[in-house]
Amino acid sequence: MADGISSFWGPVTSTIECCEKNYAYSSYIAEFYNTLSNIPTILLALIGLINALRQRFEKRFSVLHISNMILAMGSMLYHATLQRVQQQSDETPMVWEMLLYMYILYSPDWHYRSTMPTFLFLYGAVFAVVHSVVHFGIGFKLHYVILCLLCIPRMYKYYIHTQDAAAKLLAKMYVVSIFLGSLCWLGDRLFCEEVSGWPVNPQGHALWHVFMGFNSYFANTFLMFCRAQQRGWAPRVVYLMGILPYVKIEKPKSQ
């Protein structure tokens, strides 16, 4: 929601703005709520990273949690500045993260082990270079949606082959969180004019960030459980302080 205000960062140059008044609280933060709403994602990813390192999960999961943090930090930078260059720090990690999910989901059954990571790495690198030069606009959104859709069949396959009720609940929470987050995102995009006239702006895009932070955490935890099952590590879903689920494993002594 542009106000035409110059700030510490200069005039707005990003191609996308959300339904939040610019520089309402600080000359250093363009969209206050959209910036701070990324903090839960960083904290949840940090918890997941600590769990992955402490129990010595495969490095792919440590990288996955770190990528969640990088994405959230890039989003903070973008919403704080609303600059075209910083917009890249939000959009490019979104694609990188989905490529990493594709690797984790499909690599267990991929017979040529070096081809998939090599292809995905090159794909991500080429995309980053091209996207820094060419603005795809709606093409970026379609590209991102396609990457997400490619992950869904594999997630569903993992779900139907998992018998553990607690793990299935993680998958269900993954679906619920992305559904609620998408409703918030759409509401912010489609009804901005109406929302702007309300006494209180519900900050739909900020809520999208919060829901997607939990969405990533539920997805990561579910995938860690499924991978631990594949490796024969006897995974269990337990709860931190009785609230936040995480995976606890018991590796055979030979490992």
C-alpha atoms as a PDB file:
ATOM      1  CA  MET A   1       0.000   0.000   0.000  1.00  0.00           C
ATOM      2  CA  ALA A   2       2.062   2.902  -1.283  1.00  0.00           C
ATOM      3  CA  ASP A   3       1.967   6.288   0.393  1.00  0.00           C
ATOM      4  CA  GLY A   4       4.583   7.973  -1.790  1.00  0.00           C
ATOM      5  CA  ILE A   5       6.796   8.556   1.241  1.00  0.00           C
ATOM      6  CA  SER A   6      10.555   8.742   0.914  1.00  0.00           C
ATOM      7  CA  SER A   7      12.364   7.109   3.798  1.00  0.00           C
ATOM      8  CA  PHE A   8      15.802   6.135   4.986  1.00  0.00           C
ATOM      9  CA  TRP A   9      15.819   3.622   2.106  1.00  0.00           C
ATOM     10  CA  GLY A  10      14.549   6.051  -0.511  1.00  0.00           C
ATOM     11  CA  PRO A  11      11.445   5.793  -2.702  1.00  0.00           C
ATOM     12  CA  VAL A  12       9.728   2.433  -3.047  1.00  0.00           C
ATOM     13  CA  THR A  13      11.097   0.503  -6.029  1.00  0.00           C
ATOM     14  CA  SER A  14       9.728  -3.017  -5.411  1.00  0.00           C
ATOM     15  CA  THR A  15       7.124  -4.311  -7.832  1.00  0.00           C
ATOM     16  CA  ILE A  16       4.867  -5.719  -5.099  1.00  0.00           C
ATOM     17  CA  GLU A  17       3.428  -4.019  -2.037  1.00  0.00           C
ATOM     18  CA  CYS A  18       1.072  -5.367   0.590  1.00  0.00           C
ATOM     19  CA  CYS A  19      -1.920  -3.854   2.321  1.00  0.00           C
ATOM     20  CA  GLU A  20       0.029  -2.146   5.083  1.00  0.00           C
ATOM     21  CA  LYS A  21       0.724   1.555   5.495  1.00  0.00           C
ATOM     22  CA  ASN A  22       4.349   2.317   4.700  1.00  0.00           C
ATOM     23  CA  TYR A  23       6.632   3.757   7.379  1.00  0.00           C
ATOM     24  CA  ALA A  24       3.858   4.017   9.950  1.00  0.00           C
ATOM     25  CA  TYR A  25       6.142   3.318  12.923  1.00  0.00           C
ATOM     26  CA  SER A  26       9.715   3.861  11.796  1.00  0.00           C
ATOM     27  CA  SER A  27      11.608   5.504   8.951  1.00  0.00           C
ATOM     28  CA  TYR A  28      13.782   2.365   8.840  1.00  0.00           C
ATOM     29  CA  ILE A  29      10.961  -0.193   8.442  1.00  0.00           C
ATOM     30  CA  ALA A  30       8.605   0.200   5.494  1.00  0.00           C
ATOM     31  CA  GLU A  31       6.099  -2.493   6.448  1.00  0.00           C
ATOM     32  CA  PHE A  32       6.351  -2.940  10.193  1.00  0.00           C
ATOM     33  CA  TYR A  33       4.103  -5.975  10.740  1.00  0.00           C
ATOM     34  CA  ASN A  34       5.160  -7.727   7.543  1.00  0.00           C
ATOM     35  CA  THR A  35       8.768  -7.397   8.660  1.00  0.00           C
ATOM     36  CA  LEU A  36       8.437  -8.574  12.264  1.00  0.00           C
ATOM     37  CA  SER A  37       6.037 -11.402  11.386  1.00  0.00           C
ATOM     38  CA  ASN A  38       8.988 -13.353   9.962  1.00  0.00           C
ATOM     39  CA  ILE A  39      10.516 -13.764  13.424  1.00  0.00           C
ATOM     40  CA  PRO A  40       8.398 -16.866  14.323  1.00  0.00           C
ATOM     41  CA  THR A  41       9.700 -18.595  11.188  1.00  0.00           C
ATOM     42  CA  ILE A  42      13.302 -17.945  12.228  1.00  0.00           C
ATOM     43  CA  LEU A  43      12.689 -19.220  15.775  1.00  0.00           C
ATOM     44  CA  LEU A  44      10.874 -22.366  14.608  1.00  0.00           C
ATOM     45  CA  ALA A  45      13.598 -23.113  12.061  1.00  0.00           C
ATOM     46  CA  LEU A  46      16.227 -22.626  14.775  1.00  0.00           C
ATOM     47  CA  ILE A  47      14.448 -25.150  16.992  1.00  0.00           C
ATOM     48  CA  GLY A  48      14.320 -27.597  14.094  1.00  0.00           C
ATOM     49  CA  LEU A  49      17.998 -27.032  13.322  1.00  0.00           C
ATOM     50  CA  ILE A  50      19.041 -27.646  16.934  1.00  0.00           C
ATOM     51  CA  ASN A  51      17.034 -30.886  16.977  1.00  0.00           C
ATOM     52  CA  ALA A  52      18.531 -32.030  13.660  1.00  0.00           C
ATOM     53  CA  LEU A  53      22.084 -31.332  14.832  1.00  0.00           C
ATOM     54  CA  ARG A  54      21.628 -32.731  18.332  1.00  0.00           C
ATOM     55  CA  GLN A  55      20.287 -36.058  17.060  1.00  0.00           C
ATOM     56  CA  ARG A  56      22.607 -36.153  14.044  1.00  0.00           C
ATOM     57  CA  PHE A  57      20.008 -36.251  11.321  1.00  0.00           C
ATOM     58  CA  GLU A  58      21.297 -36.171   7.776  1.00  0.00           C
ATOM     59  CA  LYS A  59      22.790 -32.844   6.732  1.00  0.00           C
ATOM     60  CA  ARG A  60      19.970 -32.231   4.271  1.00  0.00           C
ATOM     61  CA  PHE A  61      17.661 -31.399   7.168  1.00  0.00           C
ATOM     62  CA  SER A  62      20.105 -28.965   8.718  1.00  0.00           C
ATOM     63  CA  VAL A  63      20.368 -27.252   5.335  1.00  0.00           C
ATOM     64  CA  LEU A  64      16.568 -27.245   5.056  1.00  0.00           C
ATOM     65  CA  HIS A  65      16.105 -25.505   8.407  1.00  0.00           C
ATOM     66  CA  ILE A  66      18.840 -23.008   7.549  1.00  0.00           C
ATOM     67  CA  SER A  67      17.140 -22.291   4.216  1.00  0.00           C
ATOM     68  CA  ASN A  68      13.921 -21.514   6.114  1.00  0.00           C
ATOM     69  CA  MET A  69      15.837 -18.985   8.211  1.00  0.00           C
ATOM     70  CA  ILE A  70      17.485 -17.449   5.152  1.00  0.00           C
ATOM     71  CA  LEU A  71      14.110 -17.108   3.450  1.00  0.00           C
ATOM     72  CA  ALA A  72      12.596 -15.412   6.506  1.00  0.00           C
ATOM     73  CA  MET A  73      15.562 -13.050   6.817  1.00  0.00           C
ATOM     74  CA  GLY A  74      15.309 -12.192   3.132  1.00  0.00           C
ATOM     75  CA  SER A  75      11.610 -11.502   3.566  1.00  0.00           C
ATOM     76  CA  MET A  76      12.374  -9.217   6.518  1.00  0.00           C
ATOM     77  CA  LEU A  77      14.885  -7.300   4.444  1.00  0.00           C
ATOM     78  CA  TYR A  78      12.451  -6.927   1.571  1.00  0.00           C
ATOM     79  CA  HIS A  79       9.486  -5.758   3.641  1.00  0.00           C
ATOM     80  CA  ALA A  80      11.673  -3.427   5.683  1.00  0.00           C
ATOM     81  CA  THR A  81      13.024  -1.642   2.599  1.00  0.00           C
ATOM     82  CA  LEU A  82      10.572  -2.264  -0.275  1.00  0.00           C
ATOM     83  CA  GLN A  83      13.485  -2.051  -2.687  1.00  0.00           C
ATOM     84  CA  ARG A  84      13.635  -3.984  -5.959  1.00  0.00           C
ATOM     85  CA  VAL A  85      17.074  -5.418  -5.166  1.00  0.00           C
ATOM     86  CA  GLN A  86      15.954  -6.661  -1.752  1.00  0.00           C
ATOM     87  CA  GLN A  87      12.896  -8.213  -3.380  1.00  0.00           C
ATOM     88  CA  GLN A  88      15.323 -10.716  -4.877  1.00  0.00           C
ATOM     89  CA  SER A  89      16.394 -11.725  -1.359  1.00  0.00           C
ATOM     90  CA  ASP A  90      12.819 -12.828  -0.762  1.00  0.00           C
ATOM     91  CA  GLU A  91      11.883 -14.406  -4.079  1.00  0.00           C
ATOM     92  CA  THR A  92      15.059 -16.294  -5.009  1.00  0.00           C
ATOM     93  CA  PRO A  93      15.290 -18.207  -1.665  1.00  0.00           C
ATOM     94  CA  MET A  94      11.641 -19.203  -2.141  1.00  0.00           C
ATOM     95  CA  VAL A  95      12.635 -21.121  -5.272  1.00  0.00           C
ATOM     96  CA  TRP A  96      15.794 -22.534  -3.681  1.00  0.00           C
ATOM     97  CA  GLU A  97      13.774 -23.824  -0.750  1.00  0.00           C
ATOM     98  CA  MET A  98      11.306 -25.632  -3.008  1.00  0.00           C
ATOM     99  CA  LEU A  99      14.178 -27.245  -4.936  1.00  0.00           C
ATOM    100  CA  LEU A 100      15.556 -28.509  -1.636  1.00  0.00           C
ATOM    101  CA  TYR A 101      12.149 -29.944  -0.701  1.00  0.00           C
ATOM    102  CA  MET A 102      12.052 -31.710  -4.058  1.00  0.00           C
ATOM    103  CA  TYR A 103      15.443 -33.261  -3.370  1.00  0.00           C
ATOM    104  CA  ILE A 104      14.439 -34.492   0.091  1.00  0.00           C
ATOM    105  CA  LEU A 105      11.132 -35.863  -1.175  1.00  0.00           C
ATOM    106  CA  TYR A 106      12.363 -37.646  -4.303  1.00  0.00           C
ATOM    107  CA  SER A 107      16.005 -38.546  -3.655  1.00  0.00           C
ATOM    108  CA  PRO A 108      15.346 -41.755  -1.624  1.00  0.00           C
ATOM    109  CA  ASP A 109      14.017 -43.479  -4.770  1.00  0.00           C
ATOM    110  CA  TRP A 110      16.327 -41.783  -7.271  1.00  0.00           C
ATOM    111  CA  HIS A 111      18.713 -44.393  -8.710  1.00  0.00           C
ATOM    112  CA  TYR A 112      21.308 -41.977 -10.090  1.00  0.00           C
ATOM    113  CA  ARG A 113      22.267 -40.199  -6.881  1.00  0.00           C
ATOM    114  CA  SER A 114      24.581 -37.539  -8.300  1.00  0.00           C
ATOM    115  CA  THR A 115      22.268 -36.387 -11.086  1.00  0.00           C
ATOM    116  CA  MET A 116      19.437 -34.976  -8.978  1.00  0.00           C
ATOM    117  CA  PRO A 117      21.451 -32.705  -6.654  1.00  0.00           C
ATOM    118  CA  THR A 118      23.589 -31.562  -9.586  1.00  0.00           C
ATOM    119  CA  PHE A 119      20.566 -30.687 -11.709  1.00  0.00           C
ATOM    120  CA  LEU A 120      18.736 -28.934  -8.860  1.00  0.00           C
ATOM    121  CA  PHE A 121      21.852 -26.962  -7.901  1.00  0.00           C
ATOM    122  CA  LEU A 122      22.412 -25.797 -11.476  1.00  0.00           C
ATOM    123  CA  TYR A 123      18.725 -25.002 -11.868  1.00  0.00           C
ATOM    124  CA  GLY A 124      18.767 -22.869  -8.720  1.00  0.00           C
ATOM    125  CA  ALA A 125      21.966 -21.080  -9.744  1.00  0.00           C
ATOM    126  CA  VAL A 126      20.712 -20.292 -13.257  1.00  0.00           C
ATOM    127  CA  PHE A 127      17.384 -19.099 -11.885  1.00  0.00           C
ATOM    128  CA  ALA A 128      19.115 -16.757  -9.427  1.00  0.00           C
ATOM    129  CA  VAL A 129      21.189 -15.183 -12.208  1.00  0.00           C
ATOM    130  CA  VAL A 130      18.303 -14.833 -14.646  1.00  0.00           C
ATOM    131  CA  HIS A 131      15.903 -13.549 -11.994  1.00  0.00           C
ATOM    132  CA  SER A 132      18.392 -10.861 -10.981  1.00  0.00           C
ATOM    133  CA  VAL A 133      18.233  -9.500 -14.532  1.00  0.00           C
ATOM    134  CA  VAL A 134      14.704 -10.307 -15.686  1.00  0.00           C
ATOM    135  CA  HIS A 135      11.578  -9.558 -13.655  1.00  0.00           C
ATOM    136  CA  PHE A 136       9.143 -12.395 -14.245  1.00  0.00           C
ATOM    137  CA  GLY A 137       6.107 -10.801 -12.555  1.00  0.00           C
ATOM    138  CA  ILE A 138       3.197 -13.241 -12.706  1.00  0.00           C
ATOM    139  CA  GLY A 139       5.600 -15.746 -14.258  1.00  0.00           C
ATOM    140  CA  PHE A 140       7.477 -15.985 -10.952  1.00  0.00           C
ATOM    141  CA  LYS A 141       4.268 -16.816  -9.078  1.00  0.00           C
ATOM    142  CA  LEU A 142       3.304 -19.473 -11.633  1.00  0.00           C
ATOM    143  CA  HIS A 143       6.797 -20.946 -11.496  1.00  0.00           C
ATOM    144  CA  TYR A 144       6.685 -21.113  -7.694  1.00  0.00           C
ATOM    145  CA  VAL A 145       3.220 -22.688  -7.688  1.00  0.00           C
ATOM    146  CA  ILE A 146       4.374 -25.366 -10.160  1.00  0.00           C
ATOM    147  CA  LEU A 147       7.325 -26.254  -7.911  1.00  0.00           C
ATOM    148  CA  CYS A 148       4.937 -26.542  -4.961  1.00  0.00           C
ATOM    149  CA  LEU A 149       2.538 -28.734  -6.928  1.00  0.00           C
ATOM    150  CA  LEU A 150       5.393 -31.077  -7.888  1.00  0.00           C
ATOM    151  CA  CYS A 151       5.960 -31.753  -4.190  1.00  0.00           C
ATOM    152  CA  ILE A 152       2.345 -32.570  -3.308  1.00  0.00           C
ATOM    153  CA  PRO A 153       2.096 -36.103  -4.822  1.00  0.00           C
ATOM    154  CA  ARG A 154       5.202 -37.203  -2.942  1.00  0.00           C
ATOM    155  CA  MET A 155       3.995 -35.668   0.323  1.00  0.00           C
ATOM    156  CA  TYR A 156       0.716 -37.528  -0.110  1.00  0.00           C
ATOM    157  CA  LYS A 157       2.562 -40.774  -0.781  1.00  0.00           C
ATOM    158  CA  TYR A 158       4.521 -40.338   2.452  1.00  0.00           C
ATOM    159  CA  TYR A 159       1.293 -39.595   4.287  1.00  0.00           C
ATOM    160  CA  ILE A 160      -0.560 -42.715   3.163  1.00  0.00           C
ATOM    161  CA  HIS A 161       2.456 -44.932   3.924  1.00  0.00           C
ATOM    162  CA  THR A 162       2.840 -43.555   7.441  1.00  0.00           C
ATOM    163  CA  GLN A 163       0.888 -45.442  10.091  1.00  0.00           C
ATOM    164  CA  ASP A 164       1.874 -43.318  13.083  1.00  0.00           C
ATOM    165  CA  ALA A 165      -1.079 -41.158  14.161  1.00  0.00           C
ATOM    166  CA  ALA A 166       1.099 -38.363  15.558  1.00  0.00           C
ATOM    167  CA  ALA A 167       3.076 -38.151  12.308  1.00  0.00           C
ATOM    168  CA  LYS A 168      -0.149 -38.054  10.300  1.00  0.00           C
ATOM    169  CA  LEU A 169      -1.292 -35.182  12.502  1.00  0.00           C
ATOM    170  CA  LEU A 170       1.857 -33.271  11.497  1.00  0.00           C
ATOM    171  CA  ALA A 171       0.897 -33.688   7.837  1.00  0.00           C
ATOM    172  CA  LYS A 172      -2.651 -32.532   8.569  1.00  0.00           C
ATOM    173  CA  MET A 173      -1.356 -29.459  10.403  1.00  0.00           C
ATOM    174  CA  TYR A 174       0.833 -28.774   7.375  1.00  0.00           C
ATOM    175  CA  VAL A 175      -2.283 -28.699   5.171  1.00  0.00           C
ATOM    176  CA  VAL A 176      -4.334 -26.628   7.638  1.00  0.00           C
ATOM    177  CA  SER A 177      -1.603 -24.022   8.087  1.00  0.00           C
ATOM    178  CA  ILE A 178      -1.046 -23.513   4.358  1.00  0.00           C
ATOM    179  CA  PHE A 179      -4.802 -23.288   3.799  1.00  0.00           C
ATOM    180  CA  LEU A 180      -5.292 -20.650   6.500  1.00  0.00           C
ATOM    181  CA  GLY A 181      -2.189 -18.774   5.383  1.00  0.00           C
ATOM    182  CA  SER A 182      -3.394 -18.736   1.783  1.00  0.00           C
ATOM    183  CA  LEU A 183      -6.756 -17.314   2.860  1.00  0.00           C
ATOM    184  CA  CYS A 184      -4.950 -14.513   4.702  1.00  0.00           C
ATOM    185  CA  TRP A 185      -2.722 -13.819   1.697  1.00  0.00           C
ATOM    186  CA  LEU A 186      -5.664 -13.730  -0.719  1.00  0.00           C
ATOM    187  CA  GLY A 187      -7.705 -11.527   1.590  1.00  0.00           C
ATOM    188  CA  ASP A 188      -4.835  -9.057   1.840  1.00  0.00           C
ATOM    189  CA  ARG A 189      -4.440  -8.972  -1.949  1.00  0.00           C
ATOM    190  CA  LEU A 190      -8.091  -8.909  -3.005  1.00  0.00           C
ATOM    191  CA  PHE A 191      -9.754  -6.798  -0.339  1.00  0.00           C
ATOM    192  CA  CYS A 192      -7.078  -4.227   0.467  1.00  0.00           C
ATOM    193  CA  GLU A 193      -9.299  -1.264  -0.339  1.00  0.00           C
ATOM    194  CA  GLU A 194     -12.042  -2.474   1.982  1.00  0.00           C
ATOM    195  CA  VAL A 195      -9.604  -3.484   4.740  1.00  0.00           C
ATOM    196  CA  SER A 196      -7.907  -0.095   4.591  1.00  0.00           C
ATOM    197  CA  GLY A 197     -11.150   1.519   5.709  1.00  0.00           C
ATOM    198  CA  TRP A 198     -11.487  -0.676   8.798  1.00  0.00           C
ATOM    199  CA  PRO A 199     -10.558   0.717  12.230  1.00  0.00           C
ATOM    200  CA  VAL A 200      -7.957  -2.066  12.544  1.00  0.00           C
ATOM    201  CA  ASN A 201      -6.075  -3.672   9.667  1.00  0.00           C
ATOM    202  CA  PRO A 202      -5.939  -7.459  10.282  1.00  0.00           C
ATOM    203  CA  GLN A 203      -2.540  -7.573   8.503  1.00  0.00           C
ATOM    204  CA  GLY A 204      -3.324 -10.536   6.276  1.00  0.00           C
ATOM    205  CA  HIS A 205       0.147 -10.726   4.777  1.00  0.00           C
ATOM    206  CA  ALA A 206       1.773 -10.729   8.205  1.00  0.00           C
ATOM    207  CA  LEU A 207      -0.536 -13.569   9.243  1.00  0.00           C
ATOM    208  CA  TRP A 208       0.524 -15.376   6.051  1.00  0.00           C
ATOM    209  CA  HIS A 209       4.132 -15.174   7.258  1.00  0.00           C
ATOM    210  CA  VAL A 210       3.216 -16.618  10.662  1.00  0.00           C
ATOM    211  CA  PHE A 211       1.152 -19.473   9.224  1.00  0.00           C
ATOM    212  CA  MET A 212       3.851 -20.295   6.669  1.00  0.00           C
ATOM    213  CA  GLY A 213       6.456 -20.378   9.418  1.00  0.00           C
ATOM    214  CA  PHE A 214       4.455 -23.097  11.147  1.00  0.00           C
ATOM    215  CA  ASN A 215       3.734 -24.709   7.788  1.00  0.00           C
ATOM    216  CA  SER A 216       7.463 -25.085   7.073  1.00  0.00           C
ATOM    217  CA  TYR A 217       8.103 -26.405  10.571  1.00  0.00           C
ATOM    218  CA  PHE A 218       5.337 -29.029  10.303  1.00  0.00           C
ATOM    219  CA  ALA A 219       6.550 -30.069   6.844  1.00  0.00           C
ATOM    220  CA  ASN A 220      10.159 -30.365   7.994  1.00  0.00           C
ATOM    221  CA  THR A 221       9.231 -32.349  11.098  1.00  0.00           C
ATOM    222  CA  PHE A 222       7.023 -34.713   9.103  1.00  0.00           C
ATOM    223  CA  LEU A 223       9.780 -35.306   6.545  1.00  0.00           C
ATOM    224  CA  MET A 224      12.306 -35.931   9.317  1.00  0.00           C
ATOM    225  CA  PHE A 225       9.964 -38.566  10.747  1.00  0.00           C
ATOM    226  CA  CYS A 226       9.500 -40.249   7.353  1.00  0.00           C
ATOM    227  CA  ARG A 227      13.235 -40.254   6.644  1.00  0.00           C
ATOM    228  CA  ALA A 228      13.981 -41.675  10.084  1.00  0.00           C
ATOM    229  CA  GLN A 229      11.532 -44.482   9.346  1.00  0.00           C
ATOM    230  CA  GLN A 230      13.315 -45.198   6.071  1.00  0.00           C
ATOM    231  CA  ARG A 231      16.624 -45.414   7.932  1.00  0.00           C
ATOM    232  CA  GLY A 232      15.221 -47.630  10.695  1.00  0.00           C
ATOM    233  CA  TRP A 233      15.767 -45.070  13.463  1.00  0.00           C
ATOM    234  CA  ALA A 234      12.525 -45.801  15.382  1.00  0.00           C
ATOM    235  CA  PRO A 235      11.189 -42.211  15.255  1.00  0.00           C
ATOM    236  CA  ARG A 236       8.633 -40.862  17.721  1.00  0.00           C
ATOM    237  CA  VAL A 237       6.809 -37.551  17.741  1.00  0.00           C
ATOM    238  CA  VAL A 238       7.233 -35.891  21.125  1.00  0.00           C
ATOM    239  CA  TYR A 239       6.352 -32.401  22.290  1.00  0.00           C
ATOM    240  CA  LEU A 240       8.533 -29.578  23.535  1.00  0.00           C
ATOM    241  CA  MET A 241       6.911 -28.238  26.717  1.00  0.00           C
ATOM    242  CA  GLY A 242       3.855 -30.274  25.725  1.00  0.00           C
ATOM    243  CA  ILE A 243       3.128 -27.950  22.801  1.00  0.00           C
ATOM    244  CA  LEU A 244       5.606 -27.972  19.908  1.00  0.00           C
ATOM    245  CA  PRO A 245       6.092 -31.344  18.164  1.00  0.00           C
ATOM    246  CA  TYR A 246       9.510 -32.632  17.191  1.00  0.00           C
ATOM    247  CA  VAL A 247      10.998 -35.985  16.210  1.00  0.00           C
ATOM    248  CA  LYS A 248      12.968 -38.121  18.632  1.00  0.00           C
ATOM    249  CA  ILE A 249      14.951 -41.059  17.224  1.00  0.00           C
ATOM    250  CA  GLU A 250      16.916 -44.062  18.435  1.00  0.00           C
ATOM    251  CA  LYS A 251      19.645 -45.088  16.029  1.00  0.00           C
ATOM    252  CA  PRO A 252      20.905 -48.677  16.106  1.00  0.00           C
ATOM    253  CA  LYS A 253      24.251 -48.963  17.847  1.00  0.00           C
ATOM    254  CA  SER A 254      25.902 -50.016  14.579  1.00  0.00           C
ATOM    255  CA  GLN A 255      25.123 -46.529  13.207  1.00  0.00           C
END
